[in-house]
């Protein structure tokens, strides 16, 4: 199921009797995530304290699953209103912060299948119908994601950060040497030759940096394979997002059993120790947003196949 922007038209939801003042429009239902109903961790007791958008969050229970939802006003979350809001970067950032804040708080209580930003339905019945339609995939995903977190791994290359090799000294030159060389026939120094030397050194430094970065990238995959359950490559960062550290060459997400985080993150950082011009950035642990769709389509591992070192490739995001 593609859970993105499940916004149902809201026209005609608030009919009024003839001659009466218009009734206030019924709220829409904003859905943050899916969890196992009664999965422990105190979600039922603490759901109202999670924060987020609109009214305090609550649960819609259906077929052993629980959707974390909130009532939100139509004038802010109808299709047209959301389209207008999402065109404002400031409002988009506020929506994202509230959405992710609620999910992060809930994830501290139980395993979640996060839904995408601005997943909105007309009423509880529509949410329950969505849960019923996707119940097998949701249960499978929640089983796969139990005990797992997401780590982000980015690798950058910056040849300019590599110290330039000192230019070889020229000796034995004489002022009475023929143009372009020394008296004993050796080629001397000139601005043109010095420029060409610098350019050759620059090209060599550039090629060496990217070669080393490629080696580091492969070693990162090999290292993570010993711990991670799955990997999803994301689009590379461009522009100001990645420019401060050089060119972004790798932007991957790994699904990792939580107990291995303290081992994997330092192991990845060690790959660039003493390697100028190549940087690795490890972020997280996060709620596994990158693996929500992946987890709904993968076979649940059996006891014989479960565990670290079974890295599976996900879909590009």
C-alpha atoms as a PDB file:
ATOM      1  CA  UNK A   1       0.000   0.000   0.000  1.00  0.00           C
ATOM      2  CA  UNK A   2       1.187   3.500  -0.763  1.00  0.00           C
ATOM      3  CA  UNK A   3       0.269   5.442   2.352  1.00  0.00           C
ATOM      4  CA  UNK A   4       1.330   8.828   1.023  1.00  0.00           C
ATOM      5  CA  UNK A   5      -1.249  11.592   1.192  1.00  0.00           C
ATOM      6  CA  UNK A   6      -4.359   9.446   1.663  1.00  0.00           C
ATOM      7  CA  UNK A   7      -6.572  12.520   1.732  1.00  0.00           C
ATOM      8  CA  UNK A   8     -10.225  11.823   1.002  1.00  0.00           C
ATOM      9  CA  UNK A   9     -12.444  14.616  -0.398  1.00  0.00           C
ATOM     10  CA  UNK A  10     -14.405  16.244   2.389  1.00  0.00           C
ATOM     11  CA  UNK A  11     -17.193  18.017   0.506  1.00  0.00           C
ATOM     12  CA  UNK A  12     -20.623  17.526   1.970  1.00  0.00           C
ATOM     13  CA  UNK A  13     -19.550  16.098   5.304  1.00  0.00           C
ATOM     14  CA  UNK A  14     -21.565  18.562   7.352  1.00  0.00           C
ATOM     15  CA  UNK A  15     -25.146  18.723   6.041  1.00  0.00           C
ATOM     16  CA  UNK A  16     -27.389  21.073   7.928  1.00  0.00           C
ATOM     17  CA  UNK A  17     -31.089  21.100   8.518  1.00  0.00           C
ATOM     18  CA  UNK A  18     -33.149  23.640   6.583  1.00  0.00           C
ATOM     19  CA  UNK A  19     -32.918  27.039   8.228  1.00  0.00           C
ATOM     20  CA  UNK A  20     -30.399  26.007  10.899  1.00  0.00           C
ATOM     21  CA  UNK A  21     -26.990  27.594  11.328  1.00  0.00           C
ATOM     22  CA  UNK A  22     -24.250  25.563   9.623  1.00  0.00           C
ATOM     23  CA  UNK A  23     -22.808  22.915  11.899  1.00  0.00           C
ATOM     24  CA  UNK A  24     -19.055  23.069  12.391  1.00  0.00           C
ATOM     25  CA  UNK A  25     -17.298  20.754   9.958  1.00  0.00           C
ATOM     26  CA  UNK A  26     -16.359  17.375  11.367  1.00  0.00           C
ATOM     27  CA  UNK A  27     -12.635  16.953  12.032  1.00  0.00           C
ATOM     28  CA  UNK A  28     -10.452  14.902   9.747  1.00  0.00           C
ATOM     29  CA  UNK A  29      -8.309  12.029  11.016  1.00  0.00           C
ATOM     30  CA  UNK A  30      -4.537  12.415  10.785  1.00  0.00           C
ATOM     31  CA  UNK A  31      -2.717   9.064  10.963  1.00  0.00           C
ATOM     32  CA  UNK A  32       0.842   8.968  12.307  1.00  0.00           C
ATOM     33  CA  UNK A  33       1.677   5.286  12.504  1.00  0.00           C
ATOM     34  CA  UNK A  34       0.473   1.720  12.945  1.00  0.00           C
ATOM     35  CA  UNK A  35       1.342  -0.448  15.953  1.00  0.00           C
ATOM     36  CA  UNK A  36       0.327  -3.812  17.353  1.00  0.00           C
ATOM     37  CA  UNK A  37      -2.681  -3.344  19.609  1.00  0.00           C
ATOM     38  CA  UNK A  38      -1.692  -4.258  23.153  1.00  0.00           C
ATOM     39  CA  UNK A  39       1.934  -4.646  22.103  1.00  0.00           C
ATOM     40  CA  UNK A  40       3.143  -3.427  25.478  1.00  0.00           C
ATOM     41  CA  UNK A  41       5.309  -0.462  26.344  1.00  0.00           C
ATOM     42  CA  UNK A  42       2.432   1.617  27.697  1.00  0.00           C
ATOM     43  CA  UNK A  43       1.205   3.033  24.366  1.00  0.00           C
ATOM     44  CA  UNK A  44      -2.444   2.878  25.462  1.00  0.00           C
ATOM     45  CA  UNK A  45      -1.697   4.701  28.691  1.00  0.00           C
ATOM     46  CA  UNK A  46       0.539   7.380  27.212  1.00  0.00           C
ATOM     47  CA  UNK A  47      -0.864   7.973  23.719  1.00  0.00           C
ATOM     48  CA  UNK A  48      -2.567  11.223  24.804  1.00  0.00           C
ATOM     49  CA  UNK A  49       0.803  12.676  25.886  1.00  0.00           C
ATOM     50  CA  UNK A  50       2.672  12.148  22.619  1.00  0.00           C
ATOM     51  CA  UNK A  51       2.040  15.606  21.182  1.00  0.00           C
ATOM     52  CA  UNK A  52       1.808  16.336  17.479  1.00  0.00           C
ATOM     53  CA  UNK A  53      -0.819  18.002  15.301  1.00  0.00           C
ATOM     54  CA  UNK A  54      -4.394  18.922  16.183  1.00  0.00           C
ATOM     55  CA  UNK A  55      -6.018  17.279  19.203  1.00  0.00           C
ATOM     56  CA  UNK A  56      -4.052  14.938  21.499  1.00  0.00           C
ATOM     57  CA  UNK A  57      -3.324  11.610  19.809  1.00  0.00           C
ATOM     58  CA  UNK A  58      -5.585   8.611  20.359  1.00  0.00           C
ATOM     59  CA  UNK A  59      -5.814   5.047  19.100  1.00  0.00           C
ATOM     60  CA  UNK A  60      -8.121   3.471  16.524  1.00  0.00           C
ATOM     61  CA  UNK A  61      -8.104  -0.290  17.153  1.00  0.00           C
ATOM     62  CA  UNK A  62      -8.935  -2.812  14.451  1.00  0.00           C
ATOM     63  CA  UNK A  63      -8.075  -6.483  13.890  1.00  0.00           C
ATOM     64  CA  UNK A  64      -5.280  -6.542  16.437  1.00  0.00           C
ATOM     65  CA  UNK A  65      -3.677  -3.349  15.146  1.00  0.00           C
ATOM     66  CA  UNK A  66      -3.741   0.165  16.551  1.00  0.00           C
ATOM     67  CA  UNK A  67      -3.461   3.348  14.491  1.00  0.00           C
ATOM     68  CA  UNK A  68      -2.060   6.396  16.266  1.00  0.00           C
ATOM     69  CA  UNK A  69      -4.258   9.245  15.075  1.00  0.00           C
ATOM     70  CA  UNK A  70      -5.346  12.773  15.919  1.00  0.00           C
ATOM     71  CA  UNK A  71      -8.419  14.804  15.049  1.00  0.00           C
ATOM     72  CA  UNK A  72      -7.392  17.785  12.917  1.00  0.00           C
ATOM     73  CA  UNK A  73      -9.462  20.693  11.535  1.00  0.00           C
ATOM     74  CA  UNK A  74     -10.719  20.598   7.967  1.00  0.00           C
ATOM     75  CA  UNK A  75      -9.742  24.190   7.313  1.00  0.00           C
ATOM     76  CA  UNK A  76      -6.096  23.207   7.834  1.00  0.00           C
ATOM     77  CA  UNK A  77      -5.924  19.600   6.632  1.00  0.00           C
ATOM     78  CA  UNK A  78      -8.352  19.271   3.726  1.00  0.00           C
ATOM     79  CA  UNK A  79      -6.783  18.559   0.344  1.00  0.00           C
ATOM     80  CA  UNK A  80      -6.804  22.184  -0.778  1.00  0.00           C
ATOM     81  CA  UNK A  81      -5.625  23.530   2.577  1.00  0.00           C
ATOM     82  CA  UNK A  82      -2.736  21.071   2.743  1.00  0.00           C
ATOM     83  CA  UNK A  83      -1.664  21.849  -0.799  1.00  0.00           C
ATOM     84  CA  UNK A  84      -1.423  25.507   0.129  1.00  0.00           C
ATOM     85  CA  UNK A  85       0.418  24.784   3.374  1.00  0.00           C
ATOM     86  CA  UNK A  86       2.984  22.508   1.779  1.00  0.00           C
ATOM     87  CA  UNK A  87       3.983  25.291  -0.590  1.00  0.00           C
ATOM     88  CA  UNK A  88       5.302  27.198   2.448  1.00  0.00           C
ATOM     89  CA  UNK A  89       8.694  25.927   3.571  1.00  0.00           C
ATOM     90  CA  UNK A  90       8.135  27.304   7.064  1.00  0.00           C
ATOM     91  CA  UNK A  91       4.797  25.520   7.424  1.00  0.00           C
ATOM     92  CA  UNK A  92       6.168  22.318   5.916  1.00  0.00           C
ATOM     93  CA  UNK A  93       8.985  22.296   8.468  1.00  0.00           C
ATOM     94  CA  UNK A  94       6.498  22.837  11.298  1.00  0.00           C
ATOM     95  CA  UNK A  95       4.309  19.970  10.051  1.00  0.00           C
ATOM     96  CA  UNK A  96       7.319  17.658   9.732  1.00  0.00           C
ATOM     97  CA  UNK A  97       8.597  18.489  13.218  1.00  0.00           C
ATOM     98  CA  UNK A  98       5.214  17.789  14.810  1.00  0.00           C
ATOM     99  CA  UNK A  99       4.701  14.602  12.783  1.00  0.00           C
ATOM    100  CA  UNK A 100       8.121  13.163  13.543  1.00  0.00           C
ATOM    101  CA  UNK A 101       8.003  14.320  17.157  1.00  0.00           C
ATOM    102  CA  UNK A 102       4.880  12.277  17.798  1.00  0.00           C
ATOM    103  CA  UNK A 103       6.326   9.219  16.058  1.00  0.00           C
ATOM    104  CA  UNK A 104       9.647   9.428  17.917  1.00  0.00           C
ATOM    105  CA  UNK A 105       7.812   9.657  21.243  1.00  0.00           C
ATOM    106  CA  UNK A 106       5.579   6.698  20.385  1.00  0.00           C
ATOM    107  CA  UNK A 107       8.553   4.649  19.165  1.00  0.00           C
ATOM    108  CA  UNK A 108      10.043   4.840  22.651  1.00  0.00           C
ATOM    109  CA  UNK A 109       7.018   2.817  23.817  1.00  0.00           C
ATOM    110  CA  UNK A 110       6.503   0.195  21.110  1.00  0.00           C
ATOM    111  CA  UNK A 111       7.405  -0.915  17.574  1.00  0.00           C
ATOM    112  CA  UNK A 112       5.864   1.343  14.928  1.00  0.00           C
ATOM    113  CA  UNK A 113       5.185   1.344  11.228  1.00  0.00           C
ATOM    114  CA  UNK A 114       5.351   5.091  10.500  1.00  0.00           C
ATOM    115  CA  UNK A 115       3.074   6.487   7.836  1.00  0.00           C
ATOM    116  CA  UNK A 116       4.042   9.360   5.595  1.00  0.00           C
ATOM    117  CA  UNK A 117       3.579  13.012   6.359  1.00  0.00           C
ATOM    118  CA  UNK A 118       0.007  14.277   5.764  1.00  0.00           C
ATOM    119  CA  UNK A 119      -1.735  10.904   5.754  1.00  0.00           C
ATOM    120  CA  UNK A 120      -5.312  12.066   6.360  1.00  0.00           C
ATOM    121  CA  UNK A 121      -8.708  10.277   6.265  1.00  0.00           C
ATOM    122  CA  UNK A 122     -12.283  11.503   6.538  1.00  0.00           C
ATOM    123  CA  UNK A 123     -13.279   9.504   9.618  1.00  0.00           C
ATOM    124  CA  UNK A 124     -12.446   6.568  11.875  1.00  0.00           C
ATOM    125  CA  UNK A 125     -14.289   4.134   9.633  1.00  0.00           C
ATOM    126  CA  UNK A 126     -12.033   4.972   6.687  1.00  0.00           C
ATOM    127  CA  UNK A 127      -8.962   4.435   8.862  1.00  0.00           C
ATOM    128  CA  UNK A 128     -10.302   1.079  10.041  1.00  0.00           C
ATOM    129  CA  UNK A 129     -10.996   0.065   6.433  1.00  0.00           C
ATOM    130  CA  UNK A 130      -7.417   0.971   5.471  1.00  0.00           C
ATOM    131  CA  UNK A 131      -6.116  -1.121   8.383  1.00  0.00           C
ATOM    132  CA  UNK A 132      -8.283  -4.080   7.411  1.00  0.00           C
ATOM    133  CA  UNK A 133      -7.184  -3.929   3.775  1.00  0.00           C
ATOM    134  CA  UNK A 134      -3.512  -3.870   4.709  1.00  0.00           C
ATOM    135  CA  UNK A 135      -3.547  -5.891   7.919  1.00  0.00           C
ATOM    136  CA  UNK A 136      -1.359  -8.807   6.682  1.00  0.00           C
ATOM    137  CA  UNK A 137       1.314  -6.466   5.306  1.00  0.00           C
ATOM    138  CA  UNK A 138       1.191  -4.296   8.436  1.00  0.00           C
ATOM    139  CA  UNK A 139       1.616  -7.292  10.749  1.00  0.00           C
ATOM    140  CA  UNK A 140       4.515  -8.597   8.687  1.00  0.00           C
ATOM    141  CA  UNK A 141       6.231  -5.214   8.697  1.00  0.00           C
ATOM    142  CA  UNK A 142       5.818  -4.781  12.447  1.00  0.00           C
ATOM    143  CA  UNK A 143       7.320  -8.215  13.026  1.00  0.00           C
ATOM    144  CA  UNK A 144      10.305  -7.411  10.817  1.00  0.00           C
ATOM    145  CA  UNK A 145      10.866  -4.005  12.423  1.00  0.00           C
ATOM    146  CA  UNK A 146      10.649  -5.183  16.023  1.00  0.00           C
ATOM    147  CA  UNK A 147      13.928  -4.438  17.774  1.00  0.00           C
ATOM    148  CA  UNK A 148      15.328  -2.678  14.705  1.00  0.00           C
ATOM    149  CA  UNK A 149      16.455   0.917  14.212  1.00  0.00           C
ATOM    150  CA  UNK A 150      17.712   2.921  11.264  1.00  0.00           C
ATOM    151  CA  UNK A 151      21.257   4.224  10.816  1.00  0.00           C
ATOM    152  CA  UNK A 152      22.166   6.736   8.128  1.00  0.00           C
ATOM    153  CA  UNK A 153      25.569   6.450   6.458  1.00  0.00           C
ATOM    154  CA  UNK A 154      26.919   9.186   4.185  1.00  0.00           C
ATOM    155  CA  UNK A 155      30.353   9.233   2.552  1.00  0.00           C
ATOM    156  CA  UNK A 156      31.935  12.417   1.188  1.00  0.00           C
ATOM    157  CA  UNK A 157      34.995  13.074  -0.962  1.00  0.00           C
ATOM    158  CA  UNK A 158      36.841  16.407  -0.891  1.00  0.00           C
ATOM    159  CA  UNK A 159      40.149  16.416  -2.808  1.00  0.00           C
ATOM    160  CA  UNK A 160      40.788  19.984  -1.656  1.00  0.00           C
ATOM    161  CA  UNK A 161      41.070  18.722   1.916  1.00  0.00           C
ATOM    162  CA  UNK A 162      44.074  16.569   0.974  1.00  0.00           C
ATOM    163  CA  UNK A 163      47.375  18.358   1.691  1.00  0.00           C
ATOM    164  CA  UNK A 164      49.256  19.115  -1.505  1.00  0.00           C
ATOM    165  CA  UNK A 165      52.551  17.291  -1.942  1.00  0.00           C
ATOM    166  CA  UNK A 166      55.522  19.662  -1.826  1.00  0.00           C
ATOM    167  CA  UNK A 167      56.863  20.528  -5.248  1.00  0.00           C
ATOM    168  CA  UNK A 168      60.291  18.970  -5.976  1.00  0.00           C
ATOM    169  CA  UNK A 169      63.121  21.425  -5.523  1.00  0.00           C
ATOM    170  CA  UNK A 170      65.089  22.487  -8.594  1.00  0.00           C
ATOM    171  CA  UNK A 171      68.824  22.832  -8.152  1.00  0.00           C
ATOM    172  CA  UNK A 172      71.822  23.550 -10.277  1.00  0.00           C
ATOM    173  CA  UNK A 173      70.214  26.299 -12.338  1.00  0.00           C
ATOM    174  CA  UNK A 174      72.385  29.059 -13.778  1.00  0.00           C
ATOM    175  CA  UNK A 175      71.479  32.477 -14.970  1.00  0.00           C
ATOM    176  CA  UNK A 176      73.462  31.955 -18.176  1.00  0.00           C
ATOM    177  CA  UNK A 177      71.669  28.701 -19.026  1.00  0.00           C
ATOM    178  CA  UNK A 178      69.939  28.425 -22.394  1.00  0.00           C
ATOM    179  CA  UNK A 179      66.254  29.286 -22.424  1.00  0.00           C
ATOM    180  CA  UNK A 180      64.193  26.411 -21.055  1.00  0.00           C
ATOM    181  CA  UNK A 181      67.066  24.540 -19.374  1.00  0.00           C
ATOM    182  CA  UNK A 182      70.223  24.590 -17.286  1.00  0.00           C
ATOM    183  CA  UNK A 183      73.778  24.769 -18.495  1.00  0.00           C
ATOM    184  CA  UNK A 184      74.183  21.008 -18.171  1.00  0.00           C
ATOM    185  CA  UNK A 185      71.039  20.325 -20.191  1.00  0.00           C
ATOM    186  CA  UNK A 186      68.559  19.803 -17.359  1.00  0.00           C
ATOM    187  CA  UNK A 187      65.151  21.410 -17.725  1.00  0.00           C
ATOM    188  CA  UNK A 188      64.773  24.337 -15.384  1.00  0.00           C
ATOM    189  CA  UNK A 189      61.777  26.037 -13.792  1.00  0.00           C
ATOM    190  CA  UNK A 190      59.367  28.419 -15.441  1.00  0.00           C
ATOM    191  CA  UNK A 191      55.868  29.736 -14.591  1.00  0.00           C
ATOM    192  CA  UNK A 192      54.343  27.604 -17.332  1.00  0.00           C
ATOM    193  CA  UNK A 193      56.037  24.408 -16.219  1.00  0.00           C
ATOM    194  CA  UNK A 194      55.198  25.087 -12.579  1.00  0.00           C
ATOM    195  CA  UNK A 195      51.549  25.551 -13.507  1.00  0.00           C
ATOM    196  CA  UNK A 196      51.490  22.262 -15.406  1.00  0.00           C
ATOM    197  CA  UNK A 197      53.102  20.475 -12.456  1.00  0.00           C
ATOM    198  CA  UNK A 198      50.489  21.873 -10.112  1.00  0.00           C
ATOM    199  CA  UNK A 199      47.689  20.848 -12.442  1.00  0.00           C
ATOM    200  CA  UNK A 200      49.086  17.307 -12.741  1.00  0.00           C
ATOM    201  CA  UNK A 201      49.388  17.080  -8.974  1.00  0.00           C
ATOM    202  CA  UNK A 202      45.834  18.372  -8.589  1.00  0.00           C
ATOM    203  CA  UNK A 203      44.477  15.782 -11.024  1.00  0.00           C
ATOM    204  CA  UNK A 204      46.399  13.036  -9.277  1.00  0.00           C
ATOM    205  CA  UNK A 205      45.119  14.155  -5.860  1.00  0.00           C
ATOM    206  CA  UNK A 206      41.564  14.294  -7.209  1.00  0.00           C
ATOM    207  CA  UNK A 207      41.764  10.797  -8.737  1.00  0.00           C
ATOM    208  CA  UNK A 208      43.402   9.321  -5.637  1.00  0.00           C
ATOM    209  CA  UNK A 209      40.774  10.825  -3.334  1.00  0.00           C
ATOM    210  CA  UNK A 210      37.863   9.384  -5.310  1.00  0.00           C
ATOM    211  CA  UNK A 211      39.611   6.035  -5.620  1.00  0.00           C
ATOM    212  CA  UNK A 212      40.063   5.866  -1.850  1.00  0.00           C
ATOM    213  CA  UNK A 213      36.461   7.001  -1.317  1.00  0.00           C
ATOM    214  CA  UNK A 214      35.268   4.151  -3.514  1.00  0.00           C
ATOM    215  CA  UNK A 215      37.270   1.682  -1.435  1.00  0.00           C
ATOM    216  CA  UNK A 216      35.809   3.146   1.762  1.00  0.00           C
ATOM    217  CA  UNK A 217      32.276   2.886   0.335  1.00  0.00           C
ATOM    218  CA  UNK A 218      32.703  -0.814  -0.425  1.00  0.00           C
ATOM    219  CA  UNK A 219      34.227  -1.441   2.987  1.00  0.00           C
ATOM    220  CA  UNK A 220      31.260   0.328   4.579  1.00  0.00           C
ATOM    221  CA  UNK A 221      28.856  -2.052   2.823  1.00  0.00           C
ATOM    222  CA  UNK A 222      30.983  -5.035   3.827  1.00  0.00           C
ATOM    223  CA  UNK A 223      31.222  -3.857   7.433  1.00  0.00           C
ATOM    224  CA  UNK A 224      27.499  -3.155   7.731  1.00  0.00           C
ATOM    225  CA  UNK A 225      26.668  -6.548   6.227  1.00  0.00           C
ATOM    226  CA  UNK A 226      27.954  -8.144   9.410  1.00  0.00           C
ATOM    227  CA  UNK A 227      25.349  -6.313  11.484  1.00  0.00           C
ATOM    228  CA  UNK A 228      22.507  -4.953   9.373  1.00  0.00           C
ATOM    229  CA  UNK A 229      19.278  -6.585   8.265  1.00  0.00           C
ATOM    230  CA  UNK A 230      18.752  -4.447   5.155  1.00  0.00           C
ATOM    231  CA  UNK A 231      20.079  -1.475   3.228  1.00  0.00           C
ATOM    232  CA  UNK A 232      18.251   1.202   1.241  1.00  0.00           C
ATOM    233  CA  UNK A 233      20.211   3.686  -0.920  1.00  0.00           C
ATOM    234  CA  UNK A 234      18.828   7.231  -0.983  1.00  0.00           C
ATOM    235  CA  UNK A 235      19.372  10.017  -3.477  1.00  0.00           C
ATOM    236  CA  UNK A 236      22.698  11.764  -3.041  1.00  0.00           C
ATOM    237  CA  UNK A 237      22.720  15.128  -1.329  1.00  0.00           C
ATOM    238  CA  UNK A 238      23.435  18.028  -3.626  1.00  0.00           C
ATOM    239  CA  UNK A 239      23.948  21.742  -3.247  1.00  0.00           C
ATOM    240  CA  UNK A 240      24.359  23.299   0.170  1.00  0.00           C
ATOM    241  CA  UNK A 241      23.237  20.126   2.014  1.00  0.00           C
ATOM    242  CA  UNK A 242      26.443  18.271   1.258  1.00  0.00           C
ATOM    243  CA  UNK A 243      28.842  20.899  -0.047  1.00  0.00           C
ATOM    244  CA  UNK A 244      30.364  21.688   3.348  1.00  0.00           C
ATOM    245  CA  UNK A 245      31.943  18.224   3.534  1.00  0.00           C
ATOM    246  CA  UNK A 246      32.672  17.695  -0.147  1.00  0.00           C
ATOM    247  CA  UNK A 247      30.815  15.681  -2.759  1.00  0.00           C
ATOM    248  CA  UNK A 248      28.308  13.203  -1.398  1.00  0.00           C
ATOM    249  CA  UNK A 249      29.075   9.791  -2.894  1.00  0.00           C
ATOM    250  CA  UNK A 250      27.011   7.512  -0.638  1.00  0.00           C
ATOM    251  CA  UNK A 251      23.728   8.184   1.156  1.00  0.00           C
ATOM    252  CA  UNK A 252      22.496   4.879   2.554  1.00  0.00           C
ATOM    253  CA  UNK A 253      20.130   3.802   5.297  1.00  0.00           C
ATOM    254  CA  UNK A 254      20.670   0.567   7.204  1.00  0.00           C
ATOM    255  CA  UNK A 255      18.165  -1.393   9.239  1.00  0.00           C
ATOM    256  CA  UNK A 256      20.097  -2.596  12.260  1.00  0.00           C
ATOM    257  CA  UNK A 257      19.182  -4.586  15.381  1.00  0.00           C
ATOM    258  CA  UNK A 258      19.337  -2.055  18.207  1.00  0.00           C
ATOM    259  CA  UNK A 259      21.837  -4.091  20.194  1.00  0.00           C
ATOM    260  CA  UNK A 260      24.460  -3.701  17.449  1.00  0.00           C
ATOM    261  CA  UNK A 261      24.419   0.103  17.190  1.00  0.00           C
ATOM    262  CA  UNK A 262      27.285   0.603  19.632  1.00  0.00           C
ATOM    263  CA  UNK A 263      29.453  -1.747  17.578  1.00  0.00           C
ATOM    264  CA  UNK A 264      28.543  -0.766  14.035  1.00  0.00           C
ATOM    265  CA  UNK A 265      28.743   3.034  14.291  1.00  0.00           C
ATOM    266  CA  UNK A 266      32.371   3.115  15.576  1.00  0.00           C
ATOM    267  CA  UNK A 267      33.372   0.407  13.090  1.00  0.00           C
ATOM    268  CA  UNK A 268      32.144   2.587  10.234  1.00  0.00           C
ATOM    269  CA  UNK A 269      33.874   5.706  11.571  1.00  0.00           C
ATOM    270  CA  UNK A 270      37.174   3.829  11.775  1.00  0.00           C
ATOM    271  CA  UNK A 271      37.105   3.273   8.009  1.00  0.00           C
ATOM    272  CA  UNK A 272      38.259   6.862   7.386  1.00  0.00           C
ATOM    273  CA  UNK A 273      40.775   7.218  10.220  1.00  0.00           C
ATOM    274  CA  UNK A 274      43.934   8.681   8.735  1.00  0.00           C
ATOM    275  CA  UNK A 275      42.272   9.162   5.329  1.00  0.00           C
ATOM    276  CA  UNK A 276      42.336  12.873   4.431  1.00  0.00           C
ATOM    277  CA  UNK A 277      39.787  13.971   1.870  1.00  0.00           C
ATOM    278  CA  UNK A 278      37.287  11.218   2.681  1.00  0.00           C
ATOM    279  CA  UNK A 279      34.678  11.618   5.430  1.00  0.00           C
ATOM    280  CA  UNK A 280      31.954   9.348   6.727  1.00  0.00           C
ATOM    281  CA  UNK A 281      28.894  10.553   8.632  1.00  0.00           C
ATOM    282  CA  UNK A 282      26.858   8.096  10.692  1.00  0.00           C
ATOM    283  CA  UNK A 283      23.510   9.369  12.006  1.00  0.00           C
ATOM    284  CA  UNK A 284      20.823   7.832  14.163  1.00  0.00           C
ATOM    285  CA  UNK A 285      19.502   5.634  15.545  1.00  0.00           C
ATOM    286  CA  UNK A 286      16.177   6.633  14.038  1.00  0.00           C
ATOM    287  CA  UNK A 287      12.724   5.163  13.702  1.00  0.00           C
ATOM    288  CA  UNK A 288      13.078   3.056  10.514  1.00  0.00           C
ATOM    289  CA  UNK A 289      11.210   5.382   8.147  1.00  0.00           C
ATOM    290  CA  UNK A 290      13.248   4.208   5.156  1.00  0.00           C
ATOM    291  CA  UNK A 291      12.075   0.616   5.587  1.00  0.00           C
ATOM    292  CA  UNK A 292       8.320   0.959   6.047  1.00  0.00           C
ATOM    293  CA  UNK A 293       7.394  -0.029   2.483  1.00  0.00           C
ATOM    294  CA  UNK A 294      10.264  -2.518   2.242  1.00  0.00           C
ATOM    295  CA  UNK A 295       9.135  -4.313   5.398  1.00  0.00           C
ATOM    296  CA  UNK A 296       5.637  -4.816   4.007  1.00  0.00           C
ATOM    297  CA  UNK A 297       6.917  -6.817   1.038  1.00  0.00           C
ATOM    298  CA  UNK A 298       9.703  -8.952   2.540  1.00  0.00           C
ATOM    299  CA  UNK A 299       9.343 -12.521   3.789  1.00  0.00           C
ATOM    300  CA  UNK A 300       9.627 -12.685   7.557  1.00  0.00           C
ATOM    301  CA  UNK A 301      12.894 -14.494   8.371  1.00  0.00           C
ATOM    302  CA  UNK A 302      12.658 -17.852  10.046  1.00  0.00           C
ATOM    303  CA  UNK A 303      14.683 -18.738  13.124  1.00  0.00           C
ATOM    304  CA  UNK A 304      17.265 -20.352  10.855  1.00  0.00           C
ATOM    305  CA  UNK A 305      17.772 -17.221   8.736  1.00  0.00           C
ATOM    306  CA  UNK A 306      17.227 -14.434  11.248  1.00  0.00           C
ATOM    307  CA  UNK A 307      20.080 -12.433  12.702  1.00  0.00           C
ATOM    308  CA  UNK A 308      22.904 -10.149  11.751  1.00  0.00           C
ATOM    309  CA  UNK A 309      24.938 -10.610   8.621  1.00  0.00           C
ATOM    310  CA  UNK A 310      21.875 -11.237   6.433  1.00  0.00           C
ATOM    311  CA  UNK A 311      21.928  -7.912   4.636  1.00  0.00           C
ATOM    312  CA  UNK A 312      19.152  -7.543   2.081  1.00  0.00           C
ATOM    313  CA  UNK A 313      18.993  -4.817  -0.514  1.00  0.00           C
ATOM    314  CA  UNK A 314      16.042  -2.477  -0.324  1.00  0.00           C
ATOM    315  CA  UNK A 315      14.497  -0.244  -2.929  1.00  0.00           C
ATOM    316  CA  UNK A 316      16.012   3.098  -3.760  1.00  0.00           C
ATOM    317  CA  UNK A 317      14.228   5.942  -2.063  1.00  0.00           C
END
